[in-house]
Protein backbone atom coordinates (compact mmCIF):
# COMPACT_ATOMS: atom_id res chain seq x y z
CA MET A 1 113.30 98.00 31.99
CA VAL A 2 114.73 101.35 33.12
CA GLN A 3 117.09 103.03 30.68
CA ASN A 4 120.04 105.02 31.96
CA THR A 5 119.31 108.59 30.85
CA THR A 6 122.59 110.11 32.01
CA MET A 7 124.73 108.69 29.21
CA PRO A 8 124.01 109.29 25.54
CA ALA A 9 123.47 106.07 23.62
CA TYR A 10 125.41 105.56 20.41
CA ASN A 11 124.74 101.84 20.11
CA PHE A 12 124.08 101.99 16.37
CA GLU A 13 127.51 103.36 15.45
CA ASP A 14 130.00 100.94 13.96
CA LYS A 15 133.18 100.07 15.86
CA ASP A 16 135.39 102.36 13.77
CA THR A 17 133.14 105.33 14.50
CA GLN A 18 132.99 104.55 18.20
CA TYR A 19 136.78 104.23 18.23
CA ALA A 20 137.12 107.60 16.47
CA TYR A 21 135.03 109.30 19.14
CA GLU A 22 136.99 107.44 21.82
CA CYS A 23 140.23 108.85 20.32
CA ILE A 24 138.77 112.34 20.68
CA ARG A 25 137.85 111.67 24.29
CA SER A 26 141.30 110.21 24.98
CA PHE A 27 143.02 113.29 23.54
CA PHE A 28 141.10 115.55 25.92
CA ASP A 29 141.58 113.15 28.82
CA HIS A 30 145.30 113.80 28.37
CA PHE A 31 145.20 117.51 27.48
CA VAL A 32 142.58 120.10 28.42
CA ILE A 33 141.80 122.47 25.56
CA GLU A 34 143.97 125.28 26.92
CA ASP A 35 147.02 122.99 27.17
CA ALA A 36 146.31 121.37 23.80
CA VAL A 37 146.34 124.75 22.06
CA SER A 38 149.38 125.98 23.99
CA LEU A 39 151.39 122.84 23.20
CA LEU A 40 150.49 123.01 19.51
CA GLU A 41 151.55 126.66 19.33
CA SER A 42 154.87 125.94 21.08
CA ILE A 43 155.62 122.93 18.87
CA ILE A 44 154.90 124.83 15.66
CA LYS A 45 156.97 127.77 16.91
CA ALA A 46 159.92 125.46 17.68
CA ALA A 47 159.58 123.68 14.33
CA ALA A 48 159.52 127.00 12.47
CA SER A 49 162.60 128.33 14.27
CA LYS A 50 166.10 127.02 14.83
CA LYS A 51 165.41 126.57 18.54
CA ILE A 52 164.84 123.17 20.08
CA TRP A 53 161.49 122.70 21.86
CA LYS A 54 162.14 122.93 25.60
CA LYS A 55 158.71 123.64 27.05
CA GLU A 56 158.62 120.21 28.73
CA ALA A 57 160.36 116.86 28.39
CA PRO A 58 160.65 115.59 24.79
CA ALA A 59 158.47 112.62 25.77
CA GLN A 60 155.59 115.06 26.33
CA LEU A 61 155.99 116.36 22.77
CA LEU A 62 156.07 112.82 21.40
CA LEU A 63 152.93 111.84 23.34
CA TYR A 64 151.13 114.98 22.21
CA MET A 65 152.01 114.44 18.56
CA GLN A 66 151.01 110.77 18.71
CA LEU A 67 147.61 111.68 20.18
CA LEU A 68 147.25 114.54 17.68
CA GLU A 69 147.84 112.08 14.85
CA GLU A 70 145.13 109.83 16.33
CA LEU A 71 142.83 112.86 16.51
CA ILE A 72 143.50 113.57 12.83
CA THR A 73 142.77 109.95 11.92
CA ALA A 74 139.54 110.13 13.94
CA ALA A 75 138.53 113.26 12.01
CA PHE A 76 138.96 111.42 8.71
CA GLU A 77 136.95 108.45 10.02
CA ILE A 78 134.11 110.68 11.22
CA THR A 79 134.01 112.60 7.94
CA GLY A 80 134.36 109.52 5.77
CA SER A 81 131.58 107.61 7.51
CA CYS A 82 129.34 110.69 7.99
CA ALA A 83 129.25 109.76 11.70
CA ILE A 84 127.38 112.78 13.01
CA ARG A 85 126.10 112.93 16.56
CA LYS A 86 123.17 115.31 16.51
CA ASN A 87 123.69 116.50 20.08
CA ALA A 88 127.02 118.03 18.98
CA ILE A 89 125.20 120.53 16.73
CA ILE A 90 123.52 123.68 18.02
CA ALA A 91 120.44 124.68 16.06
CA ASN A 92 120.69 128.03 14.26
CA ASP A 93 117.42 129.14 15.81
CA SER A 94 118.65 128.80 19.40
CA GLY A 95 118.16 132.55 19.84
CA GLU A 96 121.00 132.87 22.33
CA ALA A 97 122.83 136.19 22.21
CA ALA A 98 126.10 134.65 23.44
CA PRO A 99 127.47 131.12 23.40
CA ALA A 100 126.40 129.14 26.45
CA PRO A 101 129.33 127.79 28.52
CA LYS A 102 127.65 124.36 28.71
CA ASP A 103 128.31 124.06 24.97
CA TYR A 104 132.09 124.58 25.15
CA VAL A 105 133.41 124.22 28.73
CA SER A 106 134.58 120.68 29.51
CA ARG A 107 134.07 118.59 32.61
CA TYR A 108 137.70 118.79 33.69
CA ARG A 109 138.90 120.66 36.74
CA GLY A 110 140.34 124.07 35.98
CA CYS A 111 138.33 124.58 32.80
CA ASN A 112 136.34 127.77 32.60
CA PRO A 113 134.64 129.85 29.89
CA TRP A 114 137.73 131.98 29.30
CA ASN A 115 140.27 129.23 28.67
CA SER A 116 137.81 126.91 26.89
CA PHE A 117 136.32 129.31 24.36
CA PRO A 118 137.08 128.28 20.74
CA ARG A 119 138.97 131.23 19.26
CA SER A 120 139.78 129.79 15.83
CA LEU A 121 136.30 128.74 14.73
CA ILE A 122 133.77 130.88 12.92
CA LEU A 123 130.16 130.90 14.20
CA LYS A 124 128.96 128.22 11.75
CA GLN A 125 131.78 125.94 12.87
CA TYR A 126 131.06 126.67 16.53
CA ARG A 127 127.44 125.66 16.05
CA ASN A 128 128.35 122.67 13.90
CA PRO A 129 131.91 121.46 14.62
CA TYR A 130 131.59 118.91 11.81
CA LYS A 131 131.96 121.79 9.32
CA ALA A 132 135.45 122.57 10.69
CA ILE A 133 136.37 118.88 10.66
CA LYS A 134 135.20 118.50 7.06
CA LYS A 135 137.18 121.59 6.03
CA PHE A 136 140.22 120.12 7.78
CA THR A 137 139.96 116.82 5.90
CA ARG A 138 139.56 118.62 2.58
CA TYR A 139 142.67 120.73 3.14
CA ALA A 140 145.05 117.76 2.88
CA SER A 141 144.94 113.97 2.75
CA LEU A 142 145.46 111.79 5.80
CA LEU A 143 148.90 110.83 4.53
CA GLN A 144 149.86 114.51 4.06
CA TRP A 145 148.72 115.31 7.62
CA LYS A 146 150.70 112.39 9.02
CA THR A 147 153.77 113.58 7.11
CA TYR A 148 153.31 117.08 8.50
CA ILE A 149 153.01 115.73 12.06
CA LYS A 150 156.18 113.66 11.57
CA ASP A 151 158.08 116.62 10.10
CA SER A 152 156.89 119.00 12.83
CA THR A 153 157.93 116.56 15.53
CA GLU A 154 161.40 116.16 14.03
CA TYR A 155 161.99 119.87 13.40
CA ALA A 156 160.73 120.85 16.87
CA LEU A 157 163.42 118.62 18.36
CA LEU A 158 166.20 119.74 15.99
CA ASP A 159 168.11 123.00 15.71
CA ALA A 160 166.86 123.42 12.13
CA ASN A 161 163.59 124.86 10.92
CA ILE A 162 160.73 123.38 8.93
CA ASP A 163 161.09 126.05 6.22
CA ALA A 164 163.39 123.59 4.44
CA ALA A 165 160.43 121.22 4.07
CA MET A 166 157.65 123.73 3.40
CA GLN A 167 156.89 127.42 2.90
CA SER A 168 156.09 129.73 5.80
CA SER A 169 152.64 130.46 4.39
CA ASP A 170 151.89 126.72 4.46
CA VAL A 171 152.94 126.54 8.11
CA LEU A 172 150.48 129.32 8.99
CA ALA A 173 147.62 127.68 7.09
CA ILE A 174 148.37 124.30 8.65
CA ARG A 175 148.53 125.89 12.10
CA LEU A 176 145.05 127.37 11.62
CA ARG A 177 143.59 124.07 10.38
CA LEU A 178 145.08 122.18 13.33
CA LEU A 179 143.75 124.75 15.81
CA GLN A 180 140.30 124.49 14.23
CA LEU A 181 140.47 120.69 14.37
CA ILE A 182 141.42 120.68 18.05
CA GLU A 183 138.69 123.18 18.95
CA ALA A 184 136.04 121.39 16.87
CA CYS A 185 136.93 118.04 18.42
CA HIS A 186 136.84 119.66 21.84
CA LEU A 187 133.28 120.80 21.13
CA LEU A 188 132.36 117.27 20.08
CA ASP A 189 133.84 115.94 23.31
CA VAL A 190 132.03 118.49 25.47
CA ARG A 191 128.67 118.12 23.77
CA THR A 192 128.57 114.35 23.31
CA ASN A 193 130.15 113.33 26.63
CA ALA A 194 128.58 115.99 28.85
CA ASN A 195 126.80 113.59 31.19
CA GLU A 196 129.50 110.96 31.54
């Protein structure tokens, strides 16, 4: 029997783990990394100001936040079940002077090394995106993240700011964690779905 060598096999993962990785793939099927980061930044900016988010139709914001919540849930599932795909991790002894575009540029049209490079991750997290995901899940509980997503969605669409619900320093820390999550999940998507 000839085995298909173009697609990585993850047959031994349970259904919840497979679904978590499918949520990651779905997020990046809807939003390329550059757009995902830009939308997050604009939503947080709108939520933190008294201006209503007008970058696109409100339905786009609602879809983005729904998929972001699914991405967050997937991160908790992957961390909780220790569902690590080894091909997502770059060995420390790779000896490369600079990151190789094959490790961070996705398969989608219009993606290039400049707009795909993870700018919020440190080198250890770039090599092993699971470190960023684990740090994300330790920062707050799943319920706290879902509450933040709900609050951000509401405040981005209102002429009030999120400072009433949380401190500005918290907003900045949460922004960084969300950016790291998106970039880490993007690396998982690129590295584990490269041949699909």
